[in-house]
Amino acid sequence: MKEEQRFGIMKKYVNWVLDIVLGVLALLILIFMIRQLIDISTFINKPMTPKNLSIVMQEVVAFFMLFEFIMMVIRYIQEGHHIPIRYLILICITAILRQLMVLHGDAVQTLLLSVSILSLVIVLFVLNLSGNKSYVGFKSHTDDSQKTDK
């Protein structure tokens, strides 16, 4: 019993440190997001050539990737230190759609990206049909001990 209590105390400290490190990471990502906004605003003031438009699109995509990282960190902390599988699949679909917006010249690559989106949508559909709560998120073995502690 003492080992379980020590493990519980140690787990609380590890989670506390993890939350602090993730908070620092979120702040660093916010700083990079501000830099991205400044970069985007400098390109918007320049004449819109195809090259500048491509650079602005890449900067906007990078900005939204940083935004998704922050949202994923927040979601990770809110969900009790796990991320639901559905959330990860939706992030993947969004990232692939963004890739399709930026790279639209190669037909084979566009087809492969479209097939990957279709496969992810099918996975979401199957997860919704299953209704099994074990597919809700990645849970470690220690999550079960949290439920019994409460």
N, C-alpha and C. Protein backbone atom coordinates (compact mmCIF):
# COMPACT_ATOMS: atom_id res chain seq x y z
N MET A 1 0.82 -1.19 0.00
CA MET A 1 0.00 0.00 0.00
C MET A 1 0.87 1.26 0.00
N LYS A 2 2.00 1.22 0.73
CA LYS A 2 2.86 2.39 0.78
C LYS A 2 3.45 2.71 -0.58
N GLU A 3 3.75 1.67 -1.34
CA GLU A 3 4.31 1.89 -2.67
C GLU A 3 3.30 2.59 -3.57
N GLU A 4 2.03 2.23 -3.45
CA GLU A 4 1.00 2.88 -4.24
C GLU A 4 0.85 4.34 -3.85
N GLN A 5 0.97 4.63 -2.54
CA GLN A 5 0.88 6.02 -2.09
C GLN A 5 2.07 6.83 -2.60
N ARG A 6 3.27 6.22 -2.54
CA ARG A 6 4.45 6.91 -3.05
C ARG A 6 4.34 7.14 -4.55
N PHE A 7 3.80 6.13 -5.24
CA PHE A 7 3.62 6.28 -6.68
C PHE A 7 2.63 7.39 -6.98
N GLY A 8 1.55 7.47 -6.21
CA GLY A 8 0.55 8.53 -6.41
C GLY A 8 1.13 9.91 -6.17
N ILE A 9 1.93 10.04 -5.13
CA ILE A 9 2.57 11.34 -4.84
C ILE A 9 3.56 11.69 -5.94
N MET A 10 4.35 10.71 -6.36
CA MET A 10 5.33 10.94 -7.42
C MET A 10 4.63 11.31 -8.73
N LYS A 11 3.51 10.65 -8.99
CA LYS A 11 2.76 10.94 -10.21
C LYS A 11 2.22 12.36 -10.19
N LYS A 12 1.75 12.83 -9.03
CA LYS A 12 1.26 14.20 -8.93
C LYS A 12 2.37 15.20 -9.23
N TYR A 13 3.57 14.94 -8.70
CA TYR A 13 4.69 15.84 -8.96
C TYR A 13 5.10 15.82 -10.43
N VAL A 14 5.11 14.64 -11.02
CA VAL A 14 5.46 14.53 -12.44
C VAL A 14 4.44 15.27 -13.29
N ASN A 15 3.16 15.11 -12.99
CA ASN A 15 2.11 15.83 -13.73
C ASN A 15 2.23 17.34 -13.55
N TRP A 16 2.59 17.77 -12.35
CA TRP A 16 2.77 19.19 -12.06
C TRP A 16 3.93 19.75 -12.88
N VAL A 17 5.06 19.03 -12.91
CA VAL A 17 6.21 19.46 -13.70
C VAL A 17 5.86 19.45 -15.18
N LEU A 18 5.15 18.43 -15.62
CA LEU A 18 4.73 18.34 -17.02
C LEU A 18 3.84 19.51 -17.41
N ASP A 19 2.91 19.89 -16.54
CA ASP A 19 2.06 21.04 -16.81
C ASP A 19 2.88 22.33 -16.94
N ILE A 20 3.88 22.49 -16.09
CA ILE A 20 4.73 23.69 -16.15
C ILE A 20 5.53 23.71 -17.45
N VAL A 21 6.12 22.57 -17.81
CA VAL A 21 6.90 22.50 -19.05
C VAL A 21 6.01 22.76 -20.26
N LEU A 22 4.81 22.19 -20.26
CA LEU A 22 3.89 22.43 -21.37
C LEU A 22 3.42 23.89 -21.41
N GLY A 23 3.27 24.51 -20.26
CA GLY A 23 2.94 25.94 -20.21
C GLY A 23 4.04 26.80 -20.81
N VAL A 24 5.29 26.47 -20.48
CA VAL A 24 6.43 27.19 -21.06
C VAL A 24 6.46 26.98 -22.58
N LEU A 25 6.21 25.75 -23.01
CA LEU A 25 6.16 25.46 -24.44
C LEU A 25 5.07 26.28 -25.12
N ALA A 26 3.91 26.37 -24.49
CA ALA A 26 2.80 27.17 -25.05
C ALA A 26 3.20 28.64 -25.16
N LEU A 27 3.90 29.16 -24.16
CA LEU A 27 4.35 30.56 -24.22
C LEU A 27 5.34 30.77 -25.36
N LEU A 28 6.27 29.84 -25.53
CA LEU A 28 7.22 29.94 -26.64
C LEU A 28 6.51 29.89 -27.98
N ILE A 29 5.51 29.04 -28.10
CA ILE A 29 4.76 28.96 -29.34
C ILE A 29 4.00 30.26 -29.57
N LEU A 30 3.46 30.88 -28.52
CA LEU A 30 2.79 32.18 -28.66
C LEU A 30 3.75 33.24 -29.18
N ILE A 31 4.99 33.21 -28.70
CA ILE A 31 5.99 34.18 -29.18
C ILE A 31 6.24 33.96 -30.67
N PHE A 32 6.36 32.70 -31.10
CA PHE A 32 6.55 32.43 -32.51
C PHE A 32 5.32 32.82 -33.34
N MET A 33 4.14 32.68 -32.76
CA MET A 33 2.93 33.10 -33.47
C MET A 33 2.93 34.61 -33.69
N ILE A 34 3.37 35.36 -32.70
CA ILE A 34 3.45 36.81 -32.85
C ILE A 34 4.45 37.16 -33.95
N ARG A 35 5.58 36.44 -33.99
CA ARG A 35 6.56 36.66 -35.07
C ARG A 35 5.95 36.35 -36.43
N GLN A 36 5.16 35.27 -36.51
CA GLN A 36 4.51 34.92 -37.77
C GLN A 36 3.56 36.02 -38.21
N LEU A 37 2.80 36.57 -37.27
CA LEU A 37 1.88 37.67 -37.61
C LEU A 37 2.64 38.89 -38.13
N ILE A 38 3.78 39.19 -37.52
CA ILE A 38 4.59 40.31 -37.99
C ILE A 38 5.11 40.04 -39.40
N ASP A 39 5.58 38.81 -39.64
CA ASP A 39 6.05 38.45 -40.98
C ASP A 39 4.94 38.55 -42.01
N ILE A 40 3.76 38.07 -41.65
CA ILE A 40 2.63 38.14 -42.58
C ILE A 40 2.28 39.59 -42.89
N SER A 41 2.29 40.45 -41.87
CA SER A 41 1.93 41.85 -42.10
C SER A 41 2.97 42.55 -42.97
N THR A 42 4.24 42.19 -42.87
CA THR A 42 5.25 42.81 -43.74
C THR A 42 5.07 42.37 -45.19
N PHE A 43 4.65 41.13 -45.42
CA PHE A 43 4.44 40.67 -46.79
C PHE A 43 3.15 41.24 -47.39
N ILE A 44 2.17 41.52 -46.55
CA ILE A 44 0.91 42.06 -47.06
C ILE A 44 1.12 43.48 -47.60
N ASN A 45 2.04 44.23 -47.00
CA ASN A 45 2.31 45.58 -47.46
C ASN A 45 3.06 45.62 -48.78
N LYS A 46 3.70 44.52 -49.17
CA LYS A 46 4.44 44.46 -50.43
C LYS A 46 3.47 44.19 -51.58
N PRO A 47 3.88 44.53 -52.82
CA PRO A 47 3.02 44.21 -53.96
C PRO A 47 2.80 42.70 -54.08
N MET A 48 1.58 42.31 -54.42
CA MET A 48 1.23 40.89 -54.47
C MET A 48 1.66 40.26 -55.80
N THR A 49 2.82 39.71 -55.79
CA THR A 49 3.29 38.91 -56.92
C THR A 49 3.00 37.45 -56.58
N PRO A 50 3.05 36.57 -57.54
CA PRO A 50 2.81 35.16 -57.23
C PRO A 50 3.78 34.62 -56.17
N LYS A 51 5.03 35.10 -56.20
CA LYS A 51 6.00 34.65 -55.21
C LYS A 51 5.62 35.14 -53.81
N ASN A 52 5.23 36.42 -53.70
CA ASN A 52 4.81 36.96 -52.40
C ASN A 52 3.55 36.28 -51.89
N LEU A 53 2.62 36.00 -52.78
CA LEU A 53 1.40 35.31 -52.38
C LEU A 53 1.71 33.92 -51.85
N SER A 54 2.63 33.23 -52.49
CA SER A 54 3.04 31.90 -52.02
C SER A 54 3.69 31.98 -50.64
N ILE A 55 4.51 33.00 -50.43
CA ILE A 55 5.16 33.17 -49.13
C ILE A 55 4.12 33.48 -48.05
N VAL A 56 3.15 34.33 -48.37
CA VAL A 56 2.09 34.66 -47.41
C VAL A 56 1.29 33.40 -47.06
N MET A 57 0.98 32.59 -48.06
CA MET A 57 0.25 31.34 -47.80
C MET A 57 1.04 30.42 -46.89
N GLN A 58 2.34 30.31 -47.12
CA GLN A 58 3.17 29.46 -46.27
C GLN A 58 3.24 30.00 -44.84
N GLU A 59 3.31 31.31 -44.70
CA GLU A 59 3.33 31.92 -43.37
C GLU A 59 2.01 31.69 -42.63
N VAL A 60 0.90 31.81 -43.35
CA VAL A 60 -0.41 31.57 -42.74
C VAL A 60 -0.54 30.12 -42.31
N VAL A 61 -0.08 29.21 -43.15
CA VAL A 61 -0.12 27.78 -42.79
C VAL A 61 0.73 27.53 -41.55
N ALA A 62 1.91 28.13 -41.50
CA ALA A 62 2.77 27.96 -40.33
C ALA A 62 2.11 28.53 -39.08
N PHE A 63 1.43 29.67 -39.22
CA PHE A 63 0.72 30.27 -38.09
C PHE A 63 -0.35 29.33 -37.54
N PHE A 64 -1.13 28.74 -38.44
CA PHE A 64 -2.20 27.85 -37.97
C PHE A 64 -1.64 26.55 -37.40
N MET A 65 -0.49 26.12 -37.88
CA MET A 65 0.14 24.94 -37.26
C MET A 65 0.53 25.25 -35.82
N LEU A 66 1.10 26.43 -35.60
CA LEU A 66 1.45 26.83 -34.24
C LEU A 66 0.20 26.93 -33.37
N PHE A 67 -0.88 27.48 -33.94
CA PHE A 67 -2.14 27.59 -33.22
C PHE A 67 -2.65 26.21 -32.81
N GLU A 68 -2.55 25.24 -33.72
CA GLU A 68 -3.00 23.88 -33.40
C GLU A 68 -2.15 23.25 -32.30
N PHE A 69 -0.86 23.53 -32.30
CA PHE A 69 0.00 22.99 -31.24
C PHE A 69 -0.44 23.53 -29.88
N ILE A 70 -0.73 24.83 -29.82
CA ILE A 70 -1.18 25.40 -28.55
C ILE A 70 -2.50 24.78 -28.12
N MET A 71 -3.42 24.63 -29.06
CA MET A 71 -4.71 24.03 -28.73
C MET A 71 -4.54 22.58 -28.28
N MET A 72 -3.59 21.87 -28.87
CA MET A 72 -3.36 20.48 -28.48
C MET A 72 -2.78 20.41 -27.06
N VAL A 73 -1.89 21.33 -26.72
CA VAL A 73 -1.35 21.36 -25.36
C VAL A 73 -2.46 21.65 -24.35
N ILE A 74 -3.31 22.63 -24.67
CA ILE A 74 -4.42 22.97 -23.78
C ILE A 74 -5.36 21.78 -23.64
N ARG A 75 -5.68 21.14 -24.75
CA ARG A 75 -6.59 19.98 -24.72
C ARG A 75 -5.98 18.84 -23.92
N TYR A 76 -4.68 18.63 -24.06
CA TYR A 76 -3.98 17.58 -23.32
C TYR A 76 -4.12 17.78 -21.81
N ILE A 77 -3.96 19.00 -21.37
CA ILE A 77 -4.08 19.29 -19.94
C ILE A 77 -5.53 19.18 -19.49
N GLN A 78 -6.47 19.68 -20.29
CA GLN A 78 -7.89 19.64 -19.93
C GLN A 78 -8.42 18.21 -19.85
N GLU A 79 -7.94 17.34 -20.71
CA GLU A 79 -8.45 15.96 -20.78
C GLU A 79 -7.77 15.04 -19.78
N GLY A 80 -7.06 15.58 -18.82
CA GLY A 80 -6.44 14.73 -17.81
C GLY A 80 -5.22 14.00 -18.33
N HIS A 81 -4.41 14.69 -19.10
CA HIS A 81 -3.14 14.18 -19.62
C HIS A 81 -3.30 13.05 -20.62
N HIS A 82 -4.28 13.18 -21.48
CA HIS A 82 -4.38 12.33 -22.68
C HIS A 82 -5.12 13.12 -23.76
N ILE A 83 -4.92 12.71 -24.99
CA ILE A 83 -5.57 13.39 -26.11
C ILE A 83 -6.50 12.40 -26.79
N PRO A 84 -7.77 12.74 -26.95
CA PRO A 84 -8.70 11.82 -27.61
C PRO A 84 -8.27 11.52 -29.06
N ILE A 85 -8.46 10.28 -29.47
CA ILE A 85 -8.07 9.86 -30.81
C ILE A 85 -8.82 10.66 -31.86
N ARG A 86 -10.09 10.93 -31.62
CA ARG A 86 -10.87 11.70 -32.59
C ARG A 86 -10.26 13.08 -32.83
N TYR A 87 -9.77 13.69 -31.76
CA TYR A 87 -9.14 15.00 -31.86
C TYR A 87 -7.88 14.93 -32.72
N LEU A 88 -7.07 13.90 -32.52
CA LEU A 88 -5.86 13.73 -33.33
C LEU A 88 -6.19 13.50 -34.80
N ILE A 89 -7.23 12.72 -35.06
CA ILE A 89 -7.63 12.46 -36.45
C ILE A 89 -8.11 13.75 -37.10
N LEU A 90 -8.88 14.54 -36.38
CA LEU A 90 -9.35 15.82 -36.94
C LEU A 90 -8.19 16.77 -37.22
N ILE A 91 -7.19 16.76 -36.35
CA ILE A 91 -5.99 17.59 -36.59
C ILE A 91 -5.28 17.12 -37.85
N CYS A 92 -5.19 15.81 -38.04
CA CYS A 92 -4.54 15.28 -39.25
C CYS A 92 -5.30 15.67 -40.50
N ILE A 93 -6.61 15.58 -40.46
CA ILE A 93 -7.43 15.96 -41.62
C ILE A 93 -7.22 17.44 -41.93
N THR A 94 -7.21 18.29 -40.91
CA THR A 94 -6.99 19.71 -41.11
C THR A 94 -5.62 19.99 -41.70
N ALA A 95 -4.60 19.30 -41.20
CA ALA A 95 -3.24 19.50 -41.72
C ALA A 95 -3.15 19.08 -43.19
N ILE A 96 -3.79 17.98 -43.54
CA ILE A 96 -3.74 17.52 -44.93
C ILE A 96 -4.50 18.49 -45.83
N LEU A 97 -5.62 19.01 -45.36
CA LEU A 97 -6.36 20.01 -46.15
C LEU A 97 -5.52 21.26 -46.37
N ARG A 98 -4.80 21.66 -45.35
CA ARG A 98 -3.92 22.82 -45.49
C ARG A 98 -2.82 22.54 -46.51
N GLN A 99 -2.29 21.34 -46.47
CA GLN A 99 -1.27 20.95 -47.44
C GLN A 99 -1.83 20.98 -48.86
N LEU A 100 -3.08 20.55 -49.01
CA LEU A 100 -3.72 20.60 -50.33
C LEU A 100 -3.87 22.03 -50.84
N MET A 101 -4.12 22.98 -49.92
CA MET A 101 -4.27 24.37 -50.33
C MET A 101 -2.95 24.94 -50.83
N VAL A 102 -1.85 24.55 -50.20
CA VAL A 102 -0.55 25.12 -50.55
C VAL A 102 0.06 24.42 -51.77
N LEU A 103 0.02 23.10 -51.78
CA LEU A 103 0.61 22.33 -52.88
C LEU A 103 -0.50 21.78 -53.76
N HIS A 104 -0.74 22.43 -54.86
CA HIS A 104 -1.83 21.99 -55.72
C HIS A 104 -1.40 21.81 -57.16
N GLY A 105 -0.09 21.64 -57.40
CA GLY A 105 0.38 21.51 -58.77
C GLY A 105 0.52 20.08 -59.25
N ASP A 106 0.80 19.15 -58.36
CA ASP A 106 1.05 17.76 -58.74
C ASP A 106 -0.22 16.94 -58.56
N ALA A 107 -0.71 16.35 -59.64
CA ALA A 107 -1.98 15.61 -59.59
C ALA A 107 -1.86 14.34 -58.75
N VAL A 108 -0.75 13.64 -58.84
CA VAL A 108 -0.58 12.39 -58.07
C VAL A 108 -0.55 12.70 -56.58
N GLN A 109 0.17 13.76 -56.22
CA GLN A 109 0.22 14.13 -54.80
C GLN A 109 -1.16 14.57 -54.30
N THR A 110 -1.89 15.30 -55.11
CA THR A 110 -3.25 15.71 -54.73
C THR A 110 -4.14 14.50 -54.54
N LEU A 111 -4.02 13.52 -55.42
CA LEU A 111 -4.82 12.30 -55.30
C LEU A 111 -4.46 11.54 -54.03
N LEU A 112 -3.17 11.42 -53.73
CA LEU A 112 -2.75 10.70 -52.53
C LEU A 112 -3.22 11.42 -51.26
N LEU A 113 -3.14 12.73 -51.25
CA LEU A 113 -3.62 13.48 -50.10
C LEU A 113 -5.13 13.32 -49.94
N SER A 114 -5.85 13.31 -51.04
CA SER A 114 -7.31 13.12 -50.99
C SER A 114 -7.66 11.73 -50.47
N VAL A 115 -6.91 10.72 -50.90
CA VAL A 115 -7.15 9.35 -50.42
C VAL A 115 -6.84 9.26 -48.93
N SER A 116 -5.81 9.97 -48.47
CA SER A 116 -5.50 9.94 -47.04
C SER A 116 -6.62 10.61 -46.23
N ILE A 117 -7.19 11.69 -46.74
CA ILE A 117 -8.32 12.33 -46.05
C ILE A 117 -9.51 11.37 -46.01
N LEU A 118 -9.77 10.71 -47.12
CA LEU A 118 -10.88 9.75 -47.17
C LEU A 118 -10.66 8.63 -46.15
N SER A 119 -9.45 8.12 -46.06
CA SER A 119 -9.20 7.04 -45.11
C SER A 119 -9.37 7.51 -43.66
N LEU A 120 -8.96 8.74 -43.36
CA LEU A 120 -9.15 9.27 -42.01
C LEU A 120 -10.62 9.49 -41.69
N VAL A 121 -11.39 9.92 -42.67
CA VAL A 121 -12.84 10.09 -42.47
C VAL A 121 -13.49 8.73 -42.23
N ILE A 122 -13.04 7.71 -42.94
CA ILE A 122 -13.57 6.35 -42.73
C ILE A 122 -13.24 5.88 -41.32
N VAL A 123 -12.03 6.16 -40.86
CA VAL A 123 -11.66 5.79 -39.48
C VAL A 123 -12.57 6.49 -38.48
N LEU A 124 -12.83 7.77 -38.69
CA LEU A 124 -13.75 8.49 -37.79
C LEU A 124 -15.14 7.86 -37.81
N PHE A 125 -15.62 7.50 -38.99
CA PHE A 125 -16.93 6.87 -39.12
C PHE A 125 -16.97 5.54 -38.36
N VAL A 126 -15.92 4.74 -38.50
CA VAL A 126 -15.87 3.44 -37.82
C VAL A 126 -15.82 3.65 -36.30
N LEU A 127 -15.05 4.64 -35.85
CA LEU A 127 -15.00 4.93 -34.41
C LEU A 127 -16.37 5.35 -33.89
N ASN A 128 -17.09 6.14 -34.66
CA ASN A 128 -18.43 6.56 -34.24
C ASN A 128 -19.40 5.39 -34.23
N LEU A 129 -19.26 4.47 -35.18
CA LEU A 129 -20.13 3.29 -35.20
C LEU A 129 -19.85 2.35 -34.04
N SER A 130 -18.58 2.24 -33.69
CA SER A 130 -18.22 1.28 -32.63
C SER A 130 -18.80 1.71 -31.29
N GLY A 131 -18.78 3.01 -31.02
CA GLY A 131 -19.33 3.49 -29.76
C GLY A 131 -18.55 3.00 -28.56
N ASN A 132 -17.41 2.41 -28.78
CA ASN A 132 -16.58 1.88 -27.70
C ASN A 132 -15.80 3.02 -27.07
N LYS A 133 -15.96 3.20 -25.77
CA LYS A 133 -15.32 4.31 -25.08
C LYS A 133 -13.81 4.12 -24.96
N SER A 134 -13.30 2.92 -25.22
CA SER A 134 -11.85 2.73 -25.14
C SER A 134 -11.14 3.42 -26.30
N TYR A 135 -11.89 3.81 -27.33
CA TYR A 135 -11.29 4.49 -28.46
C TYR A 135 -11.32 6.00 -28.30
N VAL A 136 -11.82 6.50 -27.18
CA VAL A 136 -11.96 7.94 -26.99
C VAL A 136 -10.60 8.61 -26.94
N GLY A 137 -9.61 7.99 -26.35
CA GLY A 137 -8.30 8.63 -26.29
C GLY A 137 -7.22 7.66 -25.87
N PHE A 138 -6.00 8.13 -25.96
CA PHE A 138 -4.88 7.35 -25.48
C PHE A 138 -4.85 7.47 -23.97
N LYS A 139 -4.92 6.37 -23.29
CA LYS A 139 -4.87 6.40 -21.84
C LYS A 139 -3.76 5.48 -21.38
N SER A 140 -3.01 5.96 -20.42
CA SER A 140 -1.94 5.14 -19.88
C SER A 140 -2.51 4.23 -18.81
N HIS A 141 -1.70 3.31 -18.35
CA HIS A 141 -2.14 2.38 -17.31
C HIS A 141 -2.44 3.11 -16.01
N THR A 142 -1.83 4.28 -15.82
CA THR A 142 -2.01 5.00 -14.56
C THR A 142 -3.33 5.74 -14.51
N ASP A 143 -4.01 5.91 -15.64
CA ASP A 143 -5.30 6.60 -15.62
C ASP A 143 -6.34 5.83 -14.81
N ASP A 144 -6.25 4.50 -14.82
CA ASP A 144 -7.19 3.71 -14.04
C ASP A 144 -7.00 3.93 -12.55
N SER A 145 -5.75 4.15 -12.13
CA SER A 145 -5.51 4.38 -10.72
C SER A 145 -6.03 5.74 -10.30
N GLN A 146 -6.08 6.72 -11.22
CA GLN A 146 -6.63 8.03 -10.89
C GLN A 146 -8.11 7.91 -10.57
N LYS A 147 -8.82 7.07 -11.30
CA LYS A 147 -10.25 6.94 -11.07
C LYS A 147 -10.54 6.35 -9.70
N THR A 148 -9.71 5.41 -9.27
CA THR A 148 -9.94 4.79 -7.98
C THR A 148 -9.53 5.71 -6.84
N ASP A 149 -8.58 6.65 -7.10
CA ASP A 149 -8.15 7.57 -6.06
C ASP A 149 -9.23 8.63 -5.77
N LYS A 150 -10.06 8.94 -6.75
CA LYS A 150 -11.03 10.04 -6.58
C LYS A 150 -12.23 9.63 -5.79
